[in-house]
Amino acid sequence: MPPMRYKAGIETRDKILAATRLLIATDGLEGTTIKAICNEAGILPGSFYNLFDSKEQAILSVVRQAIDAVDPDLAHRGTDTLADLVEAYVRFMEEDDNLASVYIRIAFSGANNSDLRGRVLRHHQGRVGRFAAAMQRSAPELTTEQAERRAETLVSALNGIALHRVLDPDFDVAWHARVLLEDAAAVT
């Protein structure tokens, strides 16, 4: 059993990250201040600074959670199918509205922050690569260029579906994503 102090630190960190996630989802990056995070988490600023050096560090931790949450194969074994990748995206969008909203808000508002923009772009390029590889596994006749173009289109369309879901919580993500998957399968 971990020492009580360690457990309290983990609980405080979780509260900070949950508060950061909620604030980004509801108020955007501008409304996510250390004061707001501490108020939402029910902690003092000193507790925040014991665990994070800055607001940006907490935000980047939440961004990492969002990126990991949309990945069906964190070990990157290269065995995921196109269906696995799309279904992981659907689960991500449907299971945690705040984290999904963070993912989309960071992608759009991160353009003003070079570190966030770089992370989002690297993540996007990695996802496109994963989708392209899955397409080539299911349709080996595709050239790398064809698979990458199709993957870029599919990932961009999924991001559009995610944006629509953030704007309209009743939007049927699963149905639209599965239609995209069927269309992609018909082309490959």
N, C-alpha and C. Protein backbone atom coordinates (compact mmCIF):
# COMPACT_ATOMS: atom_id res chain seq x y z
N MET A 1 0.84 -1.17 0.00
CA MET A 1 0.00 0.00 0.00
C MET A 1 0.89 1.24 0.00
N PRO A 2 0.63 2.19 -0.93
CA PRO A 2 1.47 3.39 -1.00
C PRO A 2 1.28 4.26 0.24
N PRO A 3 2.33 4.99 0.60
CA PRO A 3 2.22 5.88 1.76
C PRO A 3 1.10 6.90 1.54
N MET A 4 0.49 7.33 2.64
CA MET A 4 -0.64 8.26 2.58
C MET A 4 -0.27 9.54 1.84
N ARG A 5 0.93 10.04 2.02
CA ARG A 5 1.36 11.27 1.37
C ARG A 5 1.39 11.12 -0.15
N TYR A 6 1.86 9.97 -0.61
CA TYR A 6 1.90 9.67 -2.04
C TYR A 6 0.48 9.61 -2.60
N LYS A 7 -0.41 8.93 -1.88
CA LYS A 7 -1.80 8.79 -2.30
C LYS A 7 -2.48 10.16 -2.37
N ALA A 8 -2.21 11.01 -1.38
CA ALA A 8 -2.80 12.36 -1.38
C ALA A 8 -2.29 13.17 -2.57
N GLY A 9 -1.03 13.01 -2.92
CA GLY A 9 -0.47 13.70 -4.08
C GLY A 9 -1.14 13.26 -5.37
N ILE A 10 -1.37 11.95 -5.50
CA ILE A 10 -2.04 11.42 -6.69
C ILE A 10 -3.48 11.95 -6.77
N GLU A 11 -4.16 11.96 -5.62
CA GLU A 11 -5.54 12.47 -5.60
C GLU A 11 -5.58 13.96 -5.95
N THR A 12 -4.63 14.73 -5.44
CA THR A 12 -4.58 16.16 -5.76
C THR A 12 -4.27 16.36 -7.24
N ARG A 13 -3.33 15.60 -7.77
CA ARG A 13 -3.00 15.69 -9.19
C ARG A 13 -4.23 15.37 -10.04
N ASP A 14 -4.96 14.33 -9.67
CA ASP A 14 -6.17 13.96 -10.41
C ASP A 14 -7.21 15.08 -10.35
N LYS A 15 -7.36 15.71 -9.19
CA LYS A 15 -8.30 16.83 -9.06
C LYS A 15 -7.89 18.00 -9.96
N ILE A 16 -6.61 18.28 -9.99
CA ILE A 16 -6.10 19.38 -10.82
C ILE A 16 -6.35 19.09 -12.29
N LEU A 17 -6.06 17.87 -12.72
CA LEU A 17 -6.26 17.51 -14.12
C LEU A 17 -7.74 17.50 -14.49
N ALA A 18 -8.58 17.02 -13.60
CA ALA A 18 -10.03 17.04 -13.86
C ALA A 18 -10.53 18.48 -13.96
N ALA A 19 -10.06 19.34 -13.08
CA ALA A 19 -10.46 20.75 -13.12
C ALA A 19 -9.96 21.42 -14.40
N THR A 20 -8.73 21.13 -14.76
CA THR A 20 -8.15 21.70 -15.99
C THR A 20 -8.95 21.24 -17.20
N ARG A 21 -9.26 19.96 -17.25
CA ARG A 21 -10.05 19.40 -18.35
C ARG A 21 -11.41 20.10 -18.44
N LEU A 22 -12.09 20.24 -17.32
CA LEU A 22 -13.41 20.88 -17.30
C LEU A 22 -13.32 22.34 -17.74
N LEU A 23 -12.34 23.06 -17.23
CA LEU A 23 -12.20 24.48 -17.58
C LEU A 23 -11.87 24.68 -19.06
N ILE A 24 -10.99 23.86 -19.60
CA ILE A 24 -10.68 23.98 -21.03
C ILE A 24 -11.94 23.69 -21.84
N ALA A 25 -12.67 22.65 -21.43
CA ALA A 25 -13.87 22.25 -22.17
C ALA A 25 -14.95 23.33 -22.11
N THR A 26 -15.07 24.01 -20.99
CA THR A 26 -16.15 24.99 -20.84
C THR A 26 -15.73 26.42 -21.13
N ASP A 27 -14.50 26.78 -20.76
CA ASP A 27 -14.07 28.18 -20.86
C ASP A 27 -12.93 28.41 -21.84
N GLY A 28 -12.41 27.35 -22.44
CA GLY A 28 -11.29 27.49 -23.36
C GLY A 28 -9.99 27.75 -22.63
N LEU A 29 -8.93 27.94 -23.39
CA LEU A 29 -7.61 28.17 -22.79
C LEU A 29 -7.56 29.48 -22.01
N GLU A 30 -8.26 30.51 -22.52
CA GLU A 30 -8.21 31.81 -21.86
C GLU A 30 -8.82 31.76 -20.46
N GLY A 31 -9.87 30.97 -20.28
CA GLY A 31 -10.53 30.89 -18.98
C GLY A 31 -9.89 29.90 -18.03
N THR A 32 -8.87 29.22 -18.50
CA THR A 32 -8.20 28.22 -17.68
C THR A 32 -6.98 28.87 -17.02
N THR A 33 -7.22 29.44 -15.87
CA THR A 33 -6.17 30.11 -15.10
C THR A 33 -5.82 29.24 -13.90
N ILE A 34 -4.68 29.50 -13.31
CA ILE A 34 -4.30 28.74 -12.11
C ILE A 34 -5.33 28.96 -11.01
N LYS A 35 -5.79 30.19 -10.86
CA LYS A 35 -6.80 30.49 -9.83
C LYS A 35 -8.07 29.68 -10.09
N ALA A 36 -8.52 29.66 -11.35
CA ALA A 36 -9.73 28.92 -11.69
C ALA A 36 -9.53 27.41 -11.48
N ILE A 37 -8.36 26.91 -11.84
CA ILE A 37 -8.06 25.48 -11.64
C ILE A 37 -8.12 25.15 -10.15
N CYS A 38 -7.46 25.97 -9.35
CA CYS A 38 -7.43 25.72 -7.90
C CYS A 38 -8.83 25.80 -7.30
N ASN A 39 -9.60 26.79 -7.72
CA ASN A 39 -10.98 26.91 -7.21
C ASN A 39 -11.80 25.69 -7.58
N GLU A 40 -11.72 25.29 -8.84
CA GLU A 40 -12.50 24.14 -9.31
C GLU A 40 -12.05 22.85 -8.61
N ALA A 41 -10.76 22.70 -8.38
CA ALA A 41 -10.22 21.49 -7.75
C ALA A 41 -10.38 21.51 -6.23
N GLY A 42 -10.65 22.69 -5.67
CA GLY A 42 -10.78 22.81 -4.22
C GLY A 42 -9.45 22.69 -3.50
N ILE A 43 -8.41 23.28 -4.10
CA ILE A 43 -7.08 23.21 -3.51
C ILE A 43 -6.49 24.61 -3.44
N LEU A 44 -5.40 24.73 -2.72
CA LEU A 44 -4.67 25.99 -2.63
C LEU A 44 -3.60 26.05 -3.72
N PRO A 45 -3.22 27.25 -4.14
CA PRO A 45 -2.18 27.38 -5.18
C PRO A 45 -0.89 26.64 -4.83
N GLY A 46 -0.52 26.61 -3.57
CA GLY A 46 0.70 25.90 -3.18
C GLY A 46 0.65 24.43 -3.54
N SER A 47 -0.52 23.83 -3.40
CA SER A 47 -0.69 22.43 -3.77
C SER A 47 -0.53 22.25 -5.28
N PHE A 48 -1.05 23.23 -6.03
CA PHE A 48 -0.88 23.18 -7.48
C PHE A 48 0.61 23.20 -7.82
N TYR A 49 1.33 24.17 -7.24
CA TYR A 49 2.75 24.33 -7.58
C TYR A 49 3.64 23.21 -7.04
N ASN A 50 3.14 22.44 -6.09
CA ASN A 50 3.89 21.26 -5.64
C ASN A 50 3.91 20.19 -6.73
N LEU A 51 2.91 20.22 -7.61
CA LEU A 51 2.78 19.17 -8.62
C LEU A 51 3.05 19.64 -10.05
N PHE A 52 2.83 20.92 -10.32
CA PHE A 52 3.01 21.47 -11.67
C PHE A 52 3.78 22.77 -11.59
N ASP A 53 4.65 22.99 -12.55
CA ASP A 53 5.43 24.22 -12.59
C ASP A 53 4.63 25.39 -13.12
N SER A 54 3.61 25.09 -13.94
CA SER A 54 2.85 26.16 -14.59
C SER A 54 1.50 25.65 -15.04
N LYS A 55 0.65 26.58 -15.40
CA LYS A 55 -0.65 26.24 -16.00
C LYS A 55 -0.42 25.44 -17.28
N GLU A 56 0.57 25.85 -18.06
CA GLU A 56 0.85 25.17 -19.32
C GLU A 56 1.19 23.70 -19.11
N GLN A 57 1.92 23.41 -18.04
CA GLN A 57 2.27 22.02 -17.76
C GLN A 57 1.02 21.19 -17.45
N ALA A 58 0.09 21.76 -16.71
CA ALA A 58 -1.17 21.06 -16.43
C ALA A 58 -1.97 20.88 -17.72
N ILE A 59 -2.01 21.91 -18.55
CA ILE A 59 -2.74 21.83 -19.81
C ILE A 59 -2.11 20.76 -20.71
N LEU A 60 -0.79 20.73 -20.79
CA LEU A 60 -0.12 19.72 -21.63
C LEU A 60 -0.39 18.30 -21.11
N SER A 61 -0.51 18.14 -19.79
CA SER A 61 -0.86 16.83 -19.23
C SER A 61 -2.25 16.41 -19.68
N VAL A 62 -3.18 17.36 -19.70
CA VAL A 62 -4.54 17.07 -20.16
C VAL A 62 -4.54 16.77 -21.66
N VAL A 63 -3.75 17.52 -22.41
CA VAL A 63 -3.64 17.25 -23.84
C VAL A 63 -3.11 15.84 -24.07
N ARG A 64 -2.11 15.43 -23.31
CA ARG A 64 -1.56 14.08 -23.44
C ARG A 64 -2.65 13.04 -23.13
N GLN A 65 -3.46 13.28 -22.10
CA GLN A 65 -4.55 12.36 -21.80
C GLN A 65 -5.52 12.26 -22.98
N ALA A 66 -5.84 13.41 -23.57
CA ALA A 66 -6.77 13.42 -24.71
C ALA A 66 -6.19 12.65 -25.89
N ILE A 67 -4.93 12.86 -26.16
CA ILE A 67 -4.28 12.16 -27.28
C ILE A 67 -4.24 10.66 -27.02
N ASP A 68 -3.89 10.27 -25.80
CA ASP A 68 -3.85 8.84 -25.48
C ASP A 68 -5.24 8.21 -25.52
N ALA A 69 -6.26 8.97 -25.12
CA ALA A 69 -7.62 8.43 -25.06
C ALA A 69 -8.17 8.06 -26.43
N VAL A 70 -7.67 8.67 -27.48
CA VAL A 70 -8.19 8.41 -28.82
C VAL A 70 -7.39 7.31 -29.53
N ASP A 71 -6.42 6.72 -28.85
CA ASP A 71 -5.53 5.73 -29.46
C ASP A 71 -5.89 4.31 -29.01
N PRO A 72 -6.28 3.43 -29.95
CA PRO A 72 -6.63 2.07 -29.55
C PRO A 72 -5.42 1.17 -29.29
N ASP A 73 -4.23 1.62 -29.66
CA ASP A 73 -3.03 0.79 -29.55
C ASP A 73 -1.87 1.65 -29.05
N LEU A 74 -1.88 1.93 -27.75
CA LEU A 74 -0.84 2.80 -27.18
C LEU A 74 0.56 2.24 -27.34
N ALA A 75 0.67 0.92 -27.47
CA ALA A 75 1.98 0.29 -27.65
C ALA A 75 2.47 0.41 -29.09
N HIS A 76 1.61 0.86 -29.97
CA HIS A 76 1.94 1.03 -31.40
C HIS A 76 2.50 -0.26 -32.01
N ARG A 77 1.78 -1.35 -31.78
CA ARG A 77 2.20 -2.64 -32.34
C ARG A 77 1.92 -2.72 -33.83
N GLY A 78 1.07 -1.82 -34.33
CA GLY A 78 0.77 -1.81 -35.77
C GLY A 78 -0.20 -2.89 -36.19
N THR A 79 -1.06 -3.30 -35.27
CA THR A 79 -2.04 -4.34 -35.60
C THR A 79 -3.45 -3.80 -35.67
N ASP A 80 -3.63 -2.51 -35.41
CA ASP A 80 -4.98 -1.97 -35.43
C ASP A 80 -5.51 -1.86 -36.86
N THR A 81 -6.79 -2.12 -36.99
CA THR A 81 -7.44 -2.01 -38.28
C THR A 81 -8.06 -0.62 -38.40
N LEU A 82 -8.52 -0.30 -39.58
CA LEU A 82 -9.21 0.96 -39.79
C LEU A 82 -10.44 1.02 -38.89
N ALA A 83 -11.15 -0.10 -38.78
CA ALA A 83 -12.33 -0.15 -37.90
C ALA A 83 -11.93 0.09 -36.44
N ASP A 84 -10.81 -0.50 -35.99
CA ASP A 84 -10.33 -0.27 -34.62
C ASP A 84 -10.08 1.21 -34.38
N LEU A 85 -9.44 1.87 -35.33
CA LEU A 85 -9.09 3.28 -35.18
C LEU A 85 -10.35 4.16 -35.14
N VAL A 86 -11.30 3.88 -36.01
CA VAL A 86 -12.53 4.66 -36.03
C VAL A 86 -13.35 4.39 -34.77
N GLU A 87 -13.46 3.13 -34.37
CA GLU A 87 -14.23 2.80 -33.15
C GLU A 87 -13.60 3.44 -31.91
N ALA A 88 -12.28 3.49 -31.85
CA ALA A 88 -11.63 4.14 -30.71
C ALA A 88 -11.99 5.61 -30.68
N TYR A 89 -12.06 6.23 -31.84
CA TYR A 89 -12.43 7.64 -31.93
C TYR A 89 -13.87 7.85 -31.47
N VAL A 90 -14.76 6.96 -31.88
CA VAL A 90 -16.17 7.04 -31.47
C VAL A 90 -16.28 6.90 -29.96
N ARG A 91 -15.62 5.89 -29.39
CA ARG A 91 -15.66 5.70 -27.94
C ARG A 91 -15.15 6.93 -27.21
N PHE A 92 -14.06 7.45 -27.70
CA PHE A 92 -13.47 8.66 -27.11
C PHE A 92 -14.48 9.80 -27.11
N MET A 93 -15.16 10.03 -28.22
CA MET A 93 -16.11 11.13 -28.32
C MET A 93 -17.34 10.91 -27.45
N GLU A 94 -17.74 9.66 -27.27
CA GLU A 94 -18.98 9.38 -26.55
C GLU A 94 -18.79 9.17 -25.06
N GLU A 95 -17.60 8.77 -24.62
CA GLU A 95 -17.42 8.40 -23.22
C GLU A 95 -17.01 9.54 -22.31
N ASP A 96 -16.35 10.56 -22.82
CA ASP A 96 -15.91 11.66 -21.96
C ASP A 96 -16.05 12.98 -22.73
N ASP A 97 -17.21 13.60 -22.57
CA ASP A 97 -17.48 14.84 -23.30
C ASP A 97 -16.44 15.91 -23.04
N ASN A 98 -16.00 16.04 -21.78
CA ASN A 98 -15.02 17.09 -21.46
C ASN A 98 -13.69 16.84 -22.15
N LEU A 99 -13.22 15.60 -22.11
CA LEU A 99 -11.93 15.29 -22.73
C LEU A 99 -12.03 15.44 -24.25
N ALA A 100 -13.13 15.03 -24.82
CA ALA A 100 -13.32 15.20 -26.26
C ALA A 100 -13.36 16.68 -26.62
N SER A 101 -14.02 17.48 -25.81
CA SER A 101 -14.07 18.92 -26.04
C SER A 101 -12.68 19.54 -25.93
N VAL A 102 -11.90 19.08 -24.96
CA VAL A 102 -10.52 19.56 -24.81
C VAL A 102 -9.74 19.26 -26.08
N TYR A 103 -9.87 18.05 -26.57
CA TYR A 103 -9.15 17.61 -27.77
C TYR A 103 -9.43 18.56 -28.93
N ILE A 104 -10.69 18.87 -29.15
CA ILE A 104 -11.07 19.74 -30.26
C ILE A 104 -10.68 21.19 -29.98
N ARG A 105 -10.94 21.68 -28.77
CA ARG A 105 -10.60 23.07 -28.45
C ARG A 105 -9.10 23.31 -28.56
N ILE A 106 -8.30 22.37 -28.07
CA ILE A 106 -6.85 22.52 -28.15
C ILE A 106 -6.41 22.52 -29.60
N ALA A 107 -7.00 21.64 -30.40
CA ALA A 107 -6.62 21.59 -31.82
C ALA A 107 -6.88 22.93 -32.49
N PHE A 108 -7.97 23.59 -32.16
CA PHE A 108 -8.30 24.86 -32.81
C PHE A 108 -7.64 26.06 -32.14
N SER A 109 -7.61 26.08 -30.83
CA SER A 109 -7.06 27.26 -30.16
C SER A 109 -5.55 27.17 -29.96
N GLY A 110 -4.99 25.98 -30.11
CA GLY A 110 -3.56 25.80 -29.91
C GLY A 110 -2.70 26.46 -30.97
N ALA A 111 -3.34 26.94 -32.03
CA ALA A 111 -2.59 27.57 -33.12
C ALA A 111 -1.82 28.80 -32.63
N ASN A 112 -2.26 29.40 -31.55
CA ASN A 112 -1.59 30.59 -31.00
C ASN A 112 -0.42 30.23 -30.10
N ASN A 113 -0.26 28.97 -29.78
CA ASN A 113 0.79 28.51 -28.88
C ASN A 113 1.65 27.51 -29.66
N SER A 114 2.89 27.88 -29.94
CA SER A 114 3.72 27.04 -30.81
C SER A 114 3.96 25.64 -30.24
N ASP A 115 4.08 25.51 -28.91
CA ASP A 115 4.30 24.19 -28.32
C ASP A 115 3.05 23.32 -28.52
N LEU A 116 1.87 23.87 -28.22
CA LEU A 116 0.63 23.11 -28.41
C LEU A 116 0.42 22.81 -29.90
N ARG A 117 0.64 23.79 -30.75
CA ARG A 117 0.46 23.60 -32.19
C ARG A 117 1.36 22.46 -32.68
N GLY A 118 2.60 22.47 -32.23
CA GLY A 118 3.53 21.40 -32.63
C GLY A 118 3.07 20.04 -32.16
N ARG A 119 2.60 19.96 -30.92
CA ARG A 119 2.12 18.68 -30.40
C ARG A 119 0.90 18.18 -31.17
N VAL A 120 -0.04 19.10 -31.42
CA VAL A 120 -1.25 18.72 -32.15
C VAL A 120 -0.90 18.27 -33.56
N LEU A 121 -0.02 19.00 -34.24
CA LEU A 121 0.38 18.60 -35.59
C LEU A 121 1.08 17.25 -35.61
N ARG A 122 1.98 17.03 -34.65
CA ARG A 122 2.68 15.73 -34.59
C ARG A 122 1.68 14.61 -34.34
N HIS A 123 0.74 14.86 -33.44
CA HIS A 123 -0.28 13.85 -33.15
C HIS A 123 -1.11 13.58 -34.41
N HIS A 124 -1.53 14.64 -35.08
CA HIS A 124 -2.33 14.49 -36.30
C HIS A 124 -1.56 13.69 -37.35
N GLN A 125 -0.31 14.04 -37.57
CA GLN A 125 0.50 13.33 -38.56
C GLN A 125 0.67 11.86 -38.18
N GLY A 126 0.84 11.61 -36.88
CA GLY A 126 0.95 10.24 -36.42
C GLY A 126 -0.33 9.45 -36.65
N ARG A 127 -1.48 10.09 -36.39
CA ARG A 127 -2.77 9.44 -36.63
C ARG A 127 -2.96 9.15 -38.11
N VAL A 128 -2.64 10.13 -38.95
CA VAL A 128 -2.76 9.91 -40.39
C VAL A 128 -1.89 8.72 -40.80
N GLY A 129 -0.69 8.66 -40.28
CA GLY A 129 0.20 7.54 -40.58
C GLY A 129 -0.38 6.21 -40.14
N ARG A 130 -0.98 6.19 -38.96
CA ARG A 130 -1.59 4.96 -38.44
C ARG A 130 -2.77 4.54 -39.32
N PHE A 131 -3.61 5.52 -39.69
CA PHE A 131 -4.74 5.22 -40.56
C PHE A 131 -4.26 4.72 -41.92
N ALA A 132 -3.23 5.37 -42.47
CA ALA A 132 -2.69 4.97 -43.77
C ALA A 132 -2.14 3.54 -43.70
N ALA A 133 -1.41 3.23 -42.64
CA ALA A 133 -0.86 1.88 -42.48
C ALA A 133 -1.98 0.84 -42.38
N ALA A 134 -3.03 1.17 -41.65
CA ALA A 134 -4.17 0.25 -41.54
C ALA A 134 -4.83 0.05 -42.89
N MET A 135 -4.94 1.13 -43.66
CA MET A 135 -5.51 1.01 -45.01
C MET A 135 -4.66 0.12 -45.89
N GLN A 136 -3.35 0.28 -45.81
CA GLN A 136 -2.46 -0.55 -46.64
C GLN A 136 -2.47 -2.00 -46.21
N ARG A 137 -2.67 -2.25 -44.91
CA ARG A 137 -2.77 -3.65 -44.46
C ARG A 137 -4.01 -4.31 -45.04
N SER A 138 -5.10 -3.53 -45.15
CA SER A 138 -6.34 -4.12 -45.67
C SER A 138 -6.40 -4.07 -47.20
N ALA A 139 -5.65 -3.18 -47.82
CA ALA A 139 -5.64 -3.06 -49.28
C ALA A 139 -4.20 -2.84 -49.74
N PRO A 140 -3.39 -3.91 -49.80
CA PRO A 140 -1.97 -3.77 -50.12
C PRO A 140 -1.69 -3.16 -51.49
N GLU A 141 -2.69 -3.14 -52.36
CA GLU A 141 -2.48 -2.55 -53.69
C GLU A 141 -2.39 -1.03 -53.65
N LEU A 142 -2.79 -0.41 -52.55
CA LEU A 142 -2.68 1.05 -52.42
C LEU A 142 -1.21 1.45 -52.30
N THR A 143 -0.87 2.51 -53.00
CA THR A 143 0.47 3.06 -52.81
C THR A 143 0.49 3.82 -51.49
N THR A 144 1.67 4.10 -51.00
CA THR A 144 1.78 4.88 -49.77
C THR A 144 1.11 6.24 -49.94
N GLU A 145 1.32 6.86 -51.07
CA GLU A 145 0.72 8.18 -51.32
C GLU A 145 -0.80 8.11 -51.33
N GLN A 146 -1.37 7.10 -51.98
CA GLN A 146 -2.82 6.95 -52.01
C GLN A 146 -3.37 6.73 -50.60
N ALA A 147 -2.73 5.86 -49.85
CA ALA A 147 -3.19 5.58 -48.49
C ALA A 147 -3.09 6.83 -47.62
N GLU A 148 -2.01 7.59 -47.74
CA GLU A 148 -1.85 8.80 -46.93
C GLU A 148 -2.90 9.85 -47.29
N ARG A 149 -3.20 10.02 -48.58
CA ARG A 149 -4.23 10.99 -48.99
C ARG A 149 -5.59 10.59 -48.44
N ARG A 150 -5.92 9.31 -48.55
CA ARG A 150 -7.21 8.82 -48.05
C ARG A 150 -7.27 8.91 -46.52
N ALA A 151 -6.16 8.59 -45.88
CA ALA A 151 -6.12 8.68 -44.41
C ALA A 151 -6.28 10.12 -43.95
N GLU A 152 -5.63 11.05 -44.62
CA GLU A 152 -5.76 12.48 -44.27
C GLU A 152 -7.21 12.92 -44.38
N THR A 153 -7.87 12.50 -45.43
CA THR A 153 -9.28 12.85 -45.63
C THR A 153 -10.15 12.25 -44.52
N LEU A 154 -9.91 10.99 -44.20
CA LEU A 154 -10.70 10.32 -43.17
C LEU A 154 -10.48 10.94 -41.79
N VAL A 155 -9.24 11.18 -41.42
CA VAL A 155 -8.95 11.78 -40.12
C VAL A 155 -9.54 13.19 -40.05
N SER A 156 -9.43 13.95 -41.11
CA SER A 156 -10.00 15.30 -41.14
C SER A 156 -11.52 15.24 -41.01
N ALA A 157 -12.14 14.28 -41.67
CA ALA A 157 -13.60 14.13 -41.56
C ALA A 157 -13.98 13.73 -40.14
N LEU A 158 -13.22 12.85 -39.51
CA LEU A 158 -13.50 12.48 -38.11
C LEU A 158 -13.37 13.69 -37.19
N ASN A 159 -12.37 14.53 -37.45
CA ASN A 159 -12.22 15.74 -36.65
C ASN A 159 -13.42 16.67 -36.85
N GLY A 160 -13.95 16.72 -38.08
CA GLY A 160 -15.15 17.52 -38.33
C GLY A 160 -16.35 16.97 -37.58
N ILE A 161 -16.47 15.65 -37.54
CA ILE A 161 -17.54 15.02 -36.76
C ILE A 161 -17.39 15.36 -35.28
N ALA A 162 -16.15 15.32 -34.81
CA ALA A 162 -15.89 15.65 -33.40
C ALA A 162 -16.27 17.10 -33.11
N LEU A 163 -15.92 17.99 -34.01
CA LEU A 163 -16.28 19.40 -33.83
C LEU A 163 -17.80 19.55 -33.79
N HIS A 164 -18.48 18.87 -34.68
CA HIS A 164 -19.94 18.94 -34.69
C HIS A 164 -20.51 18.45 -33.36
N ARG A 165 -19.91 17.38 -32.81
CA ARG A 165 -20.38 16.84 -31.52
C ARG A 165 -20.17 17.84 -30.39
N VAL A 166 -19.06 18.57 -30.42
CA VAL A 166 -18.82 19.59 -29.39
C VAL A 166 -19.88 20.69 -29.49
N LEU A 167 -20.24 21.05 -30.71
CA LEU A 167 -21.25 22.10 -30.91
C LEU A 167 -22.66 21.60 -30.64
N ASP A 168 -22.92 20.31 -30.92
CA ASP A 168 -24.25 19.72 -30.75
C ASP A 168 -24.11 18.37 -30.04
N PRO A 169 -24.28 18.34 -28.72
CA PRO A 169 -24.10 17.10 -27.96
C PRO A 169 -25.00 15.95 -28.40
N ASP A 170 -26.07 16.24 -29.14
CA ASP A 170 -26.97 15.18 -29.61
C ASP A 170 -26.56 14.62 -30.96
N PHE A 171 -25.52 15.17 -31.56
CA PHE A 171 -25.06 14.69 -32.86
C PHE A 171 -24.62 13.24 -32.76
N ASP A 172 -25.04 12.42 -33.69
CA ASP A 172 -24.77 10.98 -33.66
C ASP A 172 -23.38 10.68 -34.25
N VAL A 173 -22.39 10.74 -33.40
CA VAL A 173 -21.00 10.52 -33.79
C VAL A 173 -20.82 9.12 -34.38
N ALA A 174 -21.35 8.13 -33.69
CA ALA A 174 -21.13 6.74 -34.10
C ALA A 174 -21.68 6.48 -35.50
N TRP A 175 -22.89 6.93 -35.77
CA TRP A 175 -23.49 6.69 -37.08
C TRP A 175 -22.66 7.34 -38.18
N HIS A 176 -22.30 8.61 -37.99
CA HIS A 176 -21.54 9.32 -39.02
C HIS A 176 -20.14 8.72 -39.21
N ALA A 177 -19.50 8.35 -38.12
CA ALA A 177 -18.16 7.75 -38.22
C ALA A 177 -18.22 6.41 -38.94
N ARG A 178 -19.25 5.64 -38.68
CA ARG A 178 -19.37 4.33 -39.34
C ARG A 178 -19.67 4.49 -40.83
N VAL A 179 -20.44 5.52 -41.19
CA VAL A 179 -20.66 5.80 -42.61
C VAL A 179 -19.32 6.15 -43.28
N LEU A 180 -18.52 6.97 -42.61
CA LEU A 180 -17.20 7.29 -43.14
C LEU A 180 -16.37 6.02 -43.34
N LEU A 181 -16.41 5.14 -42.35
CA LEU A 181 -15.66 3.89 -42.42
C LEU A 181 -16.14 3.03 -43.59
N GLU A 182 -17.46 2.93 -43.76
CA GLU A 182 -18.00 2.17 -44.88
C GLU A 182 -17.55 2.77 -46.21
N ASP A 183 -17.60 4.09 -46.32
CA ASP A 183 -17.16 4.76 -47.55
C ASP A 183 -15.68 4.50 -47.80
N ALA A 184 -14.87 4.56 -46.74
CA ALA A 184 -13.43 4.31 -46.90
C ALA A 184 -13.18 2.87 -47.32
N ALA A 185 -13.92 1.94 -46.75
CA ALA A 185 -13.76 0.52 -47.09
C ALA A 185 -14.17 0.27 -48.54
N ALA A 186 -15.19 0.98 -49.00
CA ALA A 186 -15.66 0.79 -50.37
C ALA A 186 -14.63 1.28 -51.39
N VAL A 187 -13.86 2.27 -51.00
CA VAL A 187 -12.86 2.84 -51.91
C VAL A 187 -11.61 1.99 -51.94
N THR A 188 -11.25 1.36 -50.82
CA THR A 188 -9.99 0.59 -50.76
C THR A 188 -10.13 -0.78 -51.36
